[in-house]
Amino acid sequence: MGTHTHIPTADETVLPKGTAYITDVGMTGPYDSVIGVKKELVIERFLSGMPARFEAANGDVRLCGVLVECDDQTGRASRVERLMLR
């Protein structure tokens, strides 16, 4: 279960030997943001090249993750499902 780019990928699968896989489960936090920061501040810093204090974004918080169903006997995954809760 990868968690680097902060955007859920739609490639969840169970590999042939029972490993649940997804490239990125996504982030938990304000969805309308840049990695949880007010996007206007990030854009201004990018365009101006000047340092700026970042503030946490608000509203529309989402929880991203996955559910993995496993076989009790083998411990291998039988199912993986992407989740995004608002």
N, C-alpha and C. Protein backbone atom coordinates (compact mmCIF):
# COMPACT_ATOMS: atom_id res chain seq x y z
N MET A 1 0.84 -1.17 0.00
CA MET A 1 0.00 0.00 0.00
C MET A 1 0.89 1.24 0.00
N GLY A 2 0.97 1.91 -1.13
CA GLY A 2 1.77 3.12 -1.23
C GLY A 2 0.97 4.35 -0.79
N THR A 3 1.67 5.36 -0.30
CA THR A 3 1.00 6.59 0.16
C THR A 3 1.84 7.81 -0.13
N HIS A 4 2.42 7.92 -1.30
CA HIS A 4 3.32 9.05 -1.52
C HIS A 4 2.69 10.23 -2.27
N THR A 5 1.95 10.00 -3.33
CA THR A 5 1.49 11.13 -4.14
C THR A 5 0.25 11.81 -3.60
N HIS A 6 -0.40 11.22 -2.63
CA HIS A 6 -1.56 11.81 -1.95
C HIS A 6 -2.85 11.74 -2.76
N ILE A 7 -2.81 11.17 -3.94
CA ILE A 7 -4.00 11.01 -4.77
C ILE A 7 -4.24 9.52 -4.95
N PRO A 8 -5.43 9.03 -4.62
CA PRO A 8 -5.68 7.59 -4.77
C PRO A 8 -5.56 7.15 -6.23
N THR A 9 -4.90 6.02 -6.42
CA THR A 9 -4.84 5.43 -7.76
C THR A 9 -5.92 4.37 -7.88
N ALA A 10 -6.28 4.05 -9.10
CA ALA A 10 -7.35 3.07 -9.34
C ALA A 10 -6.76 1.75 -9.84
N ASP A 11 -5.64 1.33 -9.23
CA ASP A 11 -4.99 0.10 -9.70
C ASP A 11 -4.97 -0.99 -8.63
N GLU A 12 -5.91 -0.93 -7.69
CA GLU A 12 -5.93 -1.94 -6.64
C GLU A 12 -6.18 -3.31 -7.25
N THR A 13 -5.44 -4.29 -6.75
CA THR A 13 -5.56 -5.65 -7.27
C THR A 13 -5.00 -6.63 -6.25
N VAL A 14 -5.38 -7.88 -6.39
CA VAL A 14 -4.77 -8.96 -5.62
C VAL A 14 -3.86 -9.69 -6.59
N LEU A 15 -2.58 -9.72 -6.27
CA LEU A 15 -1.59 -10.38 -7.13
C LEU A 15 -1.74 -11.90 -7.05
N PRO A 16 -1.21 -12.62 -8.03
CA PRO A 16 -1.42 -14.08 -8.12
C PRO A 16 -1.11 -14.87 -6.85
N LYS A 17 -0.15 -14.45 -6.04
CA LYS A 17 0.19 -15.21 -4.84
C LYS A 17 -0.46 -14.66 -3.57
N GLY A 18 -1.49 -13.79 -3.74
CA GLY A 18 -2.28 -13.33 -2.60
C GLY A 18 -1.80 -12.07 -1.92
N THR A 19 -1.06 -11.22 -2.62
CA THR A 19 -0.65 -9.94 -2.06
C THR A 19 -1.59 -8.86 -2.55
N ALA A 20 -2.19 -8.10 -1.60
CA ALA A 20 -3.03 -6.96 -1.98
C ALA A 20 -2.10 -5.82 -2.38
N TYR A 21 -2.41 -5.15 -3.49
CA TYR A 21 -1.55 -4.09 -4.01
C TYR A 21 -2.37 -2.89 -4.46
N ILE A 22 -1.87 -1.69 -4.16
CA ILE A 22 -2.37 -0.44 -4.73
C ILE A 22 -1.18 0.52 -4.70
N THR A 23 -1.00 1.28 -5.77
CA THR A 23 0.14 2.19 -5.86
C THR A 23 0.05 3.30 -4.82
N ASP A 24 -1.13 3.87 -4.63
CA ASP A 24 -1.29 4.97 -3.67
C ASP A 24 -2.70 4.97 -3.10
N VAL A 25 -2.82 4.87 -1.78
CA VAL A 25 -4.15 4.87 -1.15
C VAL A 25 -4.72 6.27 -1.04
N GLY A 26 -3.88 7.29 -1.21
CA GLY A 26 -4.35 8.68 -1.09
C GLY A 26 -4.10 9.22 0.29
N MET A 27 -4.39 10.51 0.47
CA MET A 27 -4.13 11.17 1.75
C MET A 27 -5.41 11.33 2.57
N THR A 28 -5.23 11.66 3.81
CA THR A 28 -6.34 12.03 4.67
C THR A 28 -6.16 13.49 5.03
N GLY A 29 -7.17 14.29 4.76
CA GLY A 29 -7.10 15.71 5.05
C GLY A 29 -7.97 16.50 4.11
N PRO A 30 -7.79 17.84 4.08
CA PRO A 30 -8.61 18.70 3.22
C PRO A 30 -8.37 18.38 1.74
N TYR A 31 -9.41 18.01 1.04
CA TYR A 31 -9.29 17.56 -0.34
C TYR A 31 -8.96 18.70 -1.30
N ASP A 32 -9.54 19.87 -1.08
CA ASP A 32 -9.33 21.03 -1.97
C ASP A 32 -8.11 21.79 -1.46
N SER A 33 -6.94 21.17 -1.59
CA SER A 33 -5.71 21.74 -1.04
C SER A 33 -4.52 21.20 -1.81
N VAL A 34 -3.35 21.66 -1.42
CA VAL A 34 -2.10 21.09 -1.94
C VAL A 34 -1.44 20.41 -0.74
N ILE A 35 -1.60 19.10 -0.67
CA ILE A 35 -1.09 18.29 0.43
C ILE A 35 -1.48 18.88 1.79
N GLY A 36 -2.73 19.33 1.90
CA GLY A 36 -3.27 19.82 3.16
C GLY A 36 -3.07 21.30 3.42
N VAL A 37 -2.41 22.01 2.50
CA VAL A 37 -2.13 23.45 2.67
C VAL A 37 -3.07 24.24 1.77
N LYS A 38 -3.43 25.47 2.20
CA LYS A 38 -4.26 26.34 1.35
C LYS A 38 -3.59 26.50 0.00
N LYS A 39 -4.31 26.13 -1.05
CA LYS A 39 -3.70 26.08 -2.39
C LYS A 39 -3.25 27.45 -2.88
N GLU A 40 -3.94 28.52 -2.49
CA GLU A 40 -3.57 29.85 -2.94
C GLU A 40 -2.16 30.22 -2.47
N LEU A 41 -1.81 29.81 -1.25
CA LEU A 41 -0.49 30.11 -0.71
C LEU A 41 0.61 29.35 -1.45
N VAL A 42 0.33 28.11 -1.78
CA VAL A 42 1.30 27.29 -2.51
C VAL A 42 1.50 27.85 -3.92
N ILE A 43 0.42 28.22 -4.57
CA ILE A 43 0.51 28.77 -5.93
C ILE A 43 1.29 30.09 -5.93
N GLU A 44 1.00 30.96 -4.97
CA GLU A 44 1.71 32.23 -4.87
C GLU A 44 3.22 32.01 -4.66
N ARG A 45 3.56 31.09 -3.79
CA ARG A 45 4.98 30.79 -3.54
C ARG A 45 5.64 30.26 -4.80
N PHE A 46 4.94 29.40 -5.51
CA PHE A 46 5.48 28.83 -6.75
C PHE A 46 5.70 29.91 -7.80
N LEU A 47 4.71 30.78 -7.99
CA LEU A 47 4.80 31.81 -9.03
C LEU A 47 5.80 32.91 -8.69
N SER A 48 5.89 33.29 -7.42
CA SER A 48 6.78 34.39 -7.03
C SER A 48 8.20 33.93 -6.72
N GLY A 49 8.34 32.67 -6.35
CA GLY A 49 9.65 32.18 -5.95
C GLY A 49 10.08 32.66 -4.57
N MET A 50 9.18 33.35 -3.88
CA MET A 50 9.48 33.90 -2.56
C MET A 50 8.96 32.97 -1.46
N PRO A 51 9.65 32.92 -0.34
CA PRO A 51 9.17 32.09 0.77
C PRO A 51 7.82 32.59 1.27
N ALA A 52 7.02 31.70 1.75
CA ALA A 52 5.70 32.06 2.28
C ALA A 52 5.35 31.09 3.40
N ARG A 53 4.65 31.60 4.39
CA ARG A 53 4.19 30.75 5.49
C ARG A 53 2.96 29.98 5.02
N PHE A 54 2.98 28.69 5.21
CA PHE A 54 1.85 27.86 4.82
C PHE A 54 0.85 27.76 5.96
N GLU A 55 -0.42 27.68 5.60
CA GLU A 55 -1.51 27.48 6.56
C GLU A 55 -2.30 26.26 6.14
N ALA A 56 -2.78 25.53 7.12
CA ALA A 56 -3.58 24.35 6.83
C ALA A 56 -4.89 24.76 6.15
N ALA A 57 -5.29 24.00 5.15
CA ALA A 57 -6.56 24.22 4.47
C ALA A 57 -7.70 23.73 5.36
N ASN A 58 -8.90 24.17 5.06
CA ASN A 58 -10.09 23.78 5.83
C ASN A 58 -11.14 23.18 4.90
N GLY A 59 -12.09 22.48 5.51
CA GLY A 59 -13.26 21.99 4.79
C GLY A 59 -13.01 20.79 3.91
N ASP A 60 -14.08 20.11 3.56
CA ASP A 60 -14.09 18.94 2.69
C ASP A 60 -12.97 17.96 3.02
N VAL A 61 -12.92 17.54 4.27
CA VAL A 61 -11.90 16.59 4.70
C VAL A 61 -12.31 15.19 4.26
N ARG A 62 -11.33 14.46 3.73
CA ARG A 62 -11.59 13.09 3.27
C ARG A 62 -10.58 12.13 3.89
N LEU A 63 -11.05 10.93 4.13
CA LEU A 63 -10.21 9.85 4.64
C LEU A 63 -10.06 8.83 3.53
N CYS A 64 -8.85 8.59 3.11
CA CYS A 64 -8.58 7.60 2.06
C CYS A 64 -7.92 6.38 2.67
N GLY A 65 -8.20 5.24 2.10
CA GLY A 65 -7.60 4.00 2.58
C GLY A 65 -8.07 2.83 1.75
N VAL A 66 -7.82 1.64 2.24
CA VAL A 66 -8.26 0.42 1.57
C VAL A 66 -8.77 -0.58 2.60
N LEU A 67 -9.65 -1.44 2.16
CA LEU A 67 -10.08 -2.60 2.93
C LEU A 67 -9.47 -3.82 2.26
N VAL A 68 -8.85 -4.67 3.04
CA VAL A 68 -8.27 -5.90 2.49
C VAL A 68 -8.93 -7.07 3.18
N GLU A 69 -9.47 -7.98 2.40
CA GLU A 69 -10.07 -9.20 2.92
C GLU A 69 -9.03 -10.31 2.76
N CYS A 70 -8.76 -11.04 3.85
CA CYS A 70 -7.73 -12.08 3.82
C CYS A 70 -8.30 -13.44 4.20
N ASP A 71 -7.67 -14.47 3.70
CA ASP A 71 -8.01 -15.84 4.05
C ASP A 71 -7.45 -16.13 5.45
N ASP A 72 -8.28 -16.60 6.38
CA ASP A 72 -7.85 -16.87 7.76
C ASP A 72 -6.77 -17.95 7.83
N GLN A 73 -6.81 -18.90 6.95
CA GLN A 73 -5.87 -20.02 6.99
C GLN A 73 -4.50 -19.67 6.41
N THR A 74 -4.49 -18.97 5.27
CA THR A 74 -3.22 -18.71 4.57
C THR A 74 -2.67 -17.31 4.84
N GLY A 75 -3.53 -16.38 5.26
CA GLY A 75 -3.10 -15.00 5.46
C GLY A 75 -2.99 -14.22 4.16
N ARG A 76 -3.34 -14.85 3.06
CA ARG A 76 -3.26 -14.19 1.76
C ARG A 76 -4.52 -13.37 1.49
N ALA A 77 -4.32 -12.28 0.77
CA ALA A 77 -5.45 -11.41 0.42
C ALA A 77 -6.34 -12.10 -0.61
N SER A 78 -7.64 -11.92 -0.45
CA SER A 78 -8.58 -12.44 -1.43
C SER A 78 -9.33 -11.29 -2.12
N ARG A 79 -9.26 -10.10 -1.52
CA ARG A 79 -9.98 -8.96 -2.06
C ARG A 79 -9.37 -7.67 -1.52
N VAL A 80 -9.35 -6.62 -2.35
CA VAL A 80 -8.91 -5.29 -1.90
C VAL A 80 -9.87 -4.27 -2.49
N GLU A 81 -10.28 -3.30 -1.66
CA GLU A 81 -11.24 -2.28 -2.10
C GLU A 81 -10.76 -0.90 -1.67
N ARG A 82 -10.74 0.04 -2.60
CA ARG A 82 -10.38 1.43 -2.36
C ARG A 82 -11.50 2.15 -1.61
N LEU A 83 -11.15 3.03 -0.67
CA LEU A 83 -12.14 3.80 0.08
C LEU A 83 -11.81 5.28 0.05
N MET A 84 -12.82 6.12 -0.05
CA MET A 84 -12.66 7.55 0.17
C MET A 84 -13.92 8.01 0.91
N LEU A 85 -13.75 8.32 2.18
CA LEU A 85 -14.88 8.73 3.01
C LEU A 85 -14.87 10.23 3.19
N ARG A 86 -16.03 10.86 3.01
CA ARG A 86 -16.15 12.31 3.19
C ARG A 86 -16.75 12.64 4.52
